[in-house]
Amino acid sequence: MDLTYEKKYHQLEEKHWWFAGRRSTVRQLVNELRIPHTSDILEIGCSAGPLQKQLAEDGYMSLTGIDISETAIALAKDRGIQNVSVMDGANLAFPDASFDVVIASDVLEHIQDEYQAIQEWKRVLRPGGRMLIFVPAFQLLWTQHDEINHHYRRYTGRRLRDALTQAELHLERSSYWNTFLFFPTSAIRLLQRVLPRRTKSNNYTGDLKEFPRWLNNGLTALLKVEDVLLRYTSLPVGVSVFAIVRKK
């Protein structure tokens, strides 16, 4: 991602409603899978480690994080998260069958060869291990925000499922996420596509902005309502899409 965006990202990632809401959903999904606390968990794209920290607080004892950003890993270590390292998510320096769980939140869209990445993530999974993947949804939502983030694509639920099942991974669950805000987000994104484009010289940071506390807390609470719905059903549309697959 662009350096200006990355700086803003690390300033906000612990409390911003989007990231806080997604971490809450990831933690709920991991809990629903009844992953033993002794499981070896790899987070690809761990950034400065907020999910690593929360999973540790949830009782998970064997956590590993990687990120391609040296800045992110340095920040994670400054925050006391030690089992993290700089690594390319498409070329993992781990032996085969090293982990019980692989988590990749908004990583796959950054990698040009998605098939290579999925095969690599599958390689480090143990037989029966689970993979949890979040990606941005719908190409119609593509804006300069995606370009600033160095995305190659956005996904539909079907495209994500097809990419994973073509790698001979068994699909256990798929759903959209951030459903309540899909329509207002779509309206804003479509409007952005017809407005004059901003340039990097404007220090453009995409859609990543600091919100007033009341609004940030309200949006976080809205995503937690979705967490309740996700316990019982999959959602039909959203700003993101996730899938859980198992290595046969």
Protein backbone atom coordinates (compact mmCIF):
# COMPACT_ATOMS: atom_id res chain seq x y z
CA MET A 1 0.00 0.00 0.00
CA ASP A 2 1.09 3.63 -0.40
CA LEU A 3 3.20 4.98 2.48
CA THR A 4 0.75 7.79 3.33
CA TYR A 5 -2.08 5.30 3.56
CA GLU A 6 -0.01 2.85 5.61
CA LYS A 7 0.85 5.51 8.17
CA LYS A 8 -2.83 6.38 8.59
CA TYR A 9 -3.74 2.69 8.68
CA HIS A 10 -1.49 1.96 11.64
CA GLN A 11 -2.74 5.02 13.50
CA LEU A 12 -6.35 3.84 13.28
CA GLU A 13 -6.36 0.04 13.00
CA GLU A 14 -6.83 -0.70 16.70
CA LYS A 15 -9.99 1.40 17.21
CA HIS A 16 -11.44 2.15 13.77
CA TRP A 17 -14.92 0.62 13.43
CA TRP A 18 -14.12 -1.33 10.25
CA PHE A 19 -11.09 -3.13 11.67
CA ALA A 20 -12.58 -3.57 15.14
CA GLY A 21 -15.75 -5.02 13.62
CA ARG A 22 -13.89 -7.42 11.36
CA ARG A 23 -11.69 -8.65 14.21
CA SER A 24 -14.84 -9.25 16.26
CA THR A 25 -16.27 -11.36 13.42
CA VAL A 26 -13.03 -13.32 12.95
CA ARG A 27 -12.89 -14.09 16.66
CA GLN A 28 -16.52 -15.24 16.64
CA LEU A 29 -15.93 -17.50 13.63
CA VAL A 30 -12.83 -19.02 15.23
CA ASN A 31 -14.81 -19.62 18.42
CA GLU A 32 -17.67 -21.25 16.48
CA LEU A 33 -15.18 -23.65 14.87
CA ARG A 34 -14.19 -24.73 18.39
CA ILE A 35 -10.53 -24.41 17.59
CA PRO A 36 -8.52 -25.80 20.55
CA HIS A 37 -6.49 -23.17 22.36
CA THR A 38 -3.36 -25.23 21.75
CA SER A 39 -3.78 -25.01 17.94
CA ASP A 40 -1.03 -23.48 15.82
CA ILE A 41 -2.56 -20.40 14.18
CA LEU A 42 -0.94 -18.39 11.38
CA GLU A 43 -2.21 -14.92 10.54
CA ILE A 44 -1.13 -13.74 7.09
CA GLY A 45 -1.13 -9.95 6.89
CA CYS A 46 -1.07 -9.45 10.65
CA SER A 47 -0.20 -5.74 10.33
CA ALA A 48 0.80 -4.33 13.74
CA GLY A 49 -0.80 -7.24 15.56
CA PRO A 50 -4.21 -6.22 16.98
CA LEU A 51 -5.86 -9.55 16.11
CA GLN A 52 -2.83 -11.44 17.42
CA LYS A 53 -3.21 -9.59 20.71
CA GLN A 54 -6.92 -10.33 21.00
CA LEU A 55 -6.58 -14.01 20.10
CA ALA A 56 -3.93 -14.29 22.81
CA GLU A 57 -6.37 -12.71 25.25
CA ASP A 58 -8.94 -15.30 24.13
CA GLY A 59 -6.54 -18.02 25.30
CA TYR A 60 -4.80 -19.09 22.08
CA MET A 61 -1.23 -19.94 22.96
CA SER A 62 0.51 -20.67 19.65
CA LEU A 63 0.14 -17.65 17.38
CA THR A 64 2.33 -16.68 14.45
CA GLY A 65 1.97 -13.53 12.36
CA ILE A 66 3.56 -12.40 9.13
CA ASP A 67 3.30 -9.23 7.09
CA ILE A 68 5.16 -7.92 4.06
CA SER A 69 5.56 -4.52 5.74
CA GLU A 70 8.68 -3.97 7.85
CA THR A 71 6.96 -0.99 9.49
CA ALA A 72 4.00 -3.12 10.57
CA ILE A 73 6.17 -5.86 12.07
CA ALA A 74 8.31 -3.31 13.90
CA LEU A 75 5.16 -1.78 15.41
CA ALA A 76 3.87 -5.21 16.42
CA LYS A 77 7.11 -5.97 18.24
CA ASP A 78 7.00 -2.55 19.93
CA ARG A 79 3.55 -3.55 21.21
CA GLY A 80 4.99 -6.69 22.76
CA ILE A 81 3.93 -9.14 20.04
CA GLN A 82 7.08 -11.14 19.38
CA ASN A 83 6.22 -14.13 17.18
CA VAL A 84 5.83 -12.02 14.04
CA SER A 85 8.10 -11.57 11.04
CA VAL A 86 8.42 -9.90 7.66
CA MET A 87 7.41 -12.38 4.94
CA ASP A 88 5.76 -12.51 1.54
CA GLY A 89 2.30 -14.01 1.93
CA ALA A 90 2.63 -15.82 -1.39
CA ASN A 91 5.98 -17.44 -0.49
CA LEU A 92 5.91 -18.71 3.07
CA ALA A 93 9.10 -19.80 4.79
CA PHE A 94 7.37 -22.50 6.83
CA PRO A 95 7.55 -26.29 6.44
CA ASP A 96 4.60 -28.21 5.04
CA ALA A 97 1.72 -28.88 7.44
CA SER A 98 2.89 -26.41 10.10
CA PHE A 99 -0.45 -24.91 11.16
CA ASP A 100 -3.95 -25.92 12.19
CA VAL A 101 -5.51 -22.60 11.17
CA VAL A 102 -4.60 -19.93 8.60
CA ILE A 103 -6.29 -16.52 8.77
CA ALA A 104 -5.94 -13.99 5.95
CA SER A 105 -8.05 -10.83 6.26
CA ASP A 106 -7.93 -8.61 3.17
CA VAL A 107 -4.74 -10.15 1.83
CA LEU A 108 -5.64 -12.23 -1.23
CA GLU A 109 -6.70 -9.22 -3.29
CA HIS A 110 -3.18 -7.79 -2.89
CA ILE A 111 -1.54 -10.82 -4.54
CA GLN A 112 -1.45 -10.98 -8.32
CA ASP A 113 -1.38 -14.79 -8.57
CA GLU A 114 -4.24 -15.80 -6.29
CA TYR A 115 -3.89 -19.48 -7.17
CA GLN A 116 -0.24 -19.57 -6.07
CA ALA A 117 -1.12 -17.85 -2.81
CA ILE A 118 -3.96 -20.24 -2.01
CA GLN A 119 -1.80 -23.26 -2.80
CA GLU A 120 0.92 -21.89 -0.54
CA TRP A 121 -1.53 -21.33 2.31
CA LYS A 122 -2.88 -24.83 1.76
CA ARG A 123 0.65 -26.25 1.82
CA VAL A 124 1.33 -25.01 5.36
CA LEU A 125 -2.03 -26.31 6.65
CA ARG A 126 -2.21 -29.67 8.35
CA PRO A 127 -4.74 -32.19 7.03
CA GLY A 128 -8.12 -31.19 8.40
CA GLY A 129 -6.89 -27.66 9.09
CA ARG A 130 -9.08 -24.65 8.45
CA MET A 131 -8.49 -21.51 6.42
CA LEU A 132 -10.48 -18.31 7.07
CA ILE A 133 -10.29 -15.68 4.33
CA PHE A 134 -11.83 -12.20 4.07
CA VAL A 135 -11.69 -10.18 0.83
CA PRO A 136 -13.39 -7.00 -0.48
CA ALA A 137 -16.57 -7.64 -2.44
CA PHE A 138 -17.92 -6.59 -5.83
CA GLN A 139 -15.92 -5.03 -8.63
CA LEU A 140 -18.61 -2.36 -9.01
CA LEU A 141 -17.32 -0.93 -5.70
CA TRP A 142 -13.84 -0.41 -7.20
CA THR A 143 -12.53 3.13 -6.60
CA GLN A 144 -9.24 4.90 -6.10
CA HIS A 145 -9.33 3.43 -2.60
CA ASP A 146 -8.53 0.03 -4.16
CA GLU A 147 -5.69 1.53 -6.19
CA ILE A 148 -4.16 3.19 -3.14
CA ASN A 149 -4.32 -0.22 -1.45
CA HIS A 150 -2.67 -1.91 -4.45
CA HIS A 151 -5.58 -4.29 -5.00
CA TYR A 152 -5.69 -6.52 -8.06
CA ARG A 153 -9.38 -7.40 -7.78
CA ARG A 154 -12.54 -7.51 -5.70
CA TYR A 155 -14.59 -10.69 -5.29
CA THR A 156 -18.08 -12.03 -5.41
CA GLY A 157 -18.94 -14.88 -3.07
CA ARG A 158 -18.95 -17.25 -6.01
CA ARG A 159 -15.55 -16.15 -7.27
CA LEU A 160 -13.98 -16.61 -3.85
CA ARG A 161 -15.59 -20.02 -3.42
CA ASP A 162 -14.47 -21.11 -6.89
CA ALA A 163 -10.88 -20.01 -6.25
CA LEU A 164 -10.76 -22.04 -3.04
CA THR A 165 -12.51 -25.16 -4.29
CA GLN A 166 -10.33 -25.23 -7.42
CA ALA A 167 -7.44 -25.62 -4.98
CA GLU A 168 -9.22 -28.75 -3.71
CA LEU A 169 -10.18 -27.20 -0.40
CA HIS A 170 -13.49 -28.23 1.13
CA LEU A 171 -15.86 -25.30 1.54
CA GLU A 172 -17.49 -25.22 4.98
CA ARG A 173 -19.04 -21.76 4.96
CA SER A 174 -19.26 -18.56 2.94
CA SER A 175 -21.05 -15.28 3.57
CA TYR A 176 -20.95 -11.60 2.80
CA TRP A 177 -20.03 -9.22 5.59
CA ASN A 178 -20.88 -5.58 6.36
CA THR A 179 -24.33 -5.99 4.87
CA PHE A 180 -26.08 -3.10 6.63
CA LEU A 181 -23.70 -0.57 5.06
CA PHE A 182 -23.60 -2.12 1.60
CA PHE A 183 -26.14 0.19 -0.04
CA PRO A 184 -24.87 3.51 1.40
CA THR A 185 -21.29 2.40 0.64
CA SER A 186 -22.30 1.52 -2.93
CA ALA A 187 -23.89 4.94 -3.41
CA ILE A 188 -20.79 6.71 -2.11
CA ARG A 189 -18.41 4.58 -4.18
CA LEU A 190 -20.41 5.08 -7.38
CA LEU A 191 -20.41 8.83 -6.73
CA GLN A 192 -16.64 8.76 -6.23
CA ARG A 193 -16.24 7.15 -9.64
CA VAL A 194 -17.81 10.14 -11.38
CA LEU A 195 -16.09 12.83 -9.30
CA PRO A 196 -12.66 14.23 -10.28
CA ARG A 197 -9.91 11.83 -9.24
CA ARG A 198 -7.58 12.80 -6.42
CA THR A 199 -3.86 12.35 -6.80
CA LYS A 200 -1.22 10.93 -4.53
CA SER A 201 0.15 14.43 -3.99
CA ASN A 202 -3.07 15.21 -2.06
CA ASN A 203 -2.02 12.62 0.57
CA TYR A 204 -5.13 10.68 -0.33
CA THR A 205 -5.80 7.88 2.14
CA GLY A 206 -8.72 6.21 0.40
CA ASP A 207 -11.80 5.67 2.56
CA LEU A 208 -9.76 5.43 5.76
CA LYS A 209 -10.77 8.33 7.96
CA GLU A 210 -11.03 9.04 11.66
CA PHE A 211 -14.63 9.27 12.85
CA PRO A 212 -16.10 11.02 15.89
CA ARG A 213 -16.19 8.63 18.83
CA TRP A 214 -19.99 8.40 18.91
CA LEU A 215 -20.16 7.51 15.21
CA ASN A 216 -17.23 5.10 15.40
CA ASN A 217 -18.82 3.31 18.36
CA GLY A 218 -22.19 3.22 16.62
CA LEU A 219 -20.79 1.64 13.46
CA THR A 220 -18.85 -0.89 15.52
CA ALA A 221 -22.07 -1.81 17.34
CA LEU A 222 -23.86 -2.18 14.00
CA LEU A 223 -21.30 -4.75 12.86
CA LYS A 224 -21.74 -6.62 16.14
CA VAL A 225 -25.45 -6.93 15.35
CA GLU A 226 -24.37 -8.62 12.13
CA ASP A 227 -22.26 -10.99 14.22
CA VAL A 228 -25.46 -12.14 15.92
CA LEU A 229 -27.10 -12.76 12.54
CA LEU A 230 -24.05 -14.65 11.29
CA ARG A 231 -24.49 -17.18 14.10
CA TYR A 232 -27.69 -18.32 12.42
CA THR A 233 -27.42 -17.51 8.72
CA SER A 234 -25.20 -16.29 5.90
CA LEU A 235 -25.75 -12.80 4.56
CA PRO A 236 -26.70 -12.24 0.89
CA VAL A 237 -24.71 -9.10 0.09
CA GLY A 238 -22.02 -6.96 1.70
CA VAL A 239 -18.95 -4.79 1.31
CA SER A 240 -16.75 -7.83 2.04
CA VAL A 241 -17.06 -11.57 1.65
CA PHE A 242 -15.50 -14.38 3.68
CA ALA A 243 -15.09 -18.13 3.36
CA ILE A 244 -14.04 -20.93 5.67
CA VAL A 245 -12.47 -23.96 4.02
CA ARG A 246 -10.88 -27.17 5.28
CA LYS A 247 -7.89 -29.06 3.91
CA LYS A 248 -9.03 -32.54 3.01
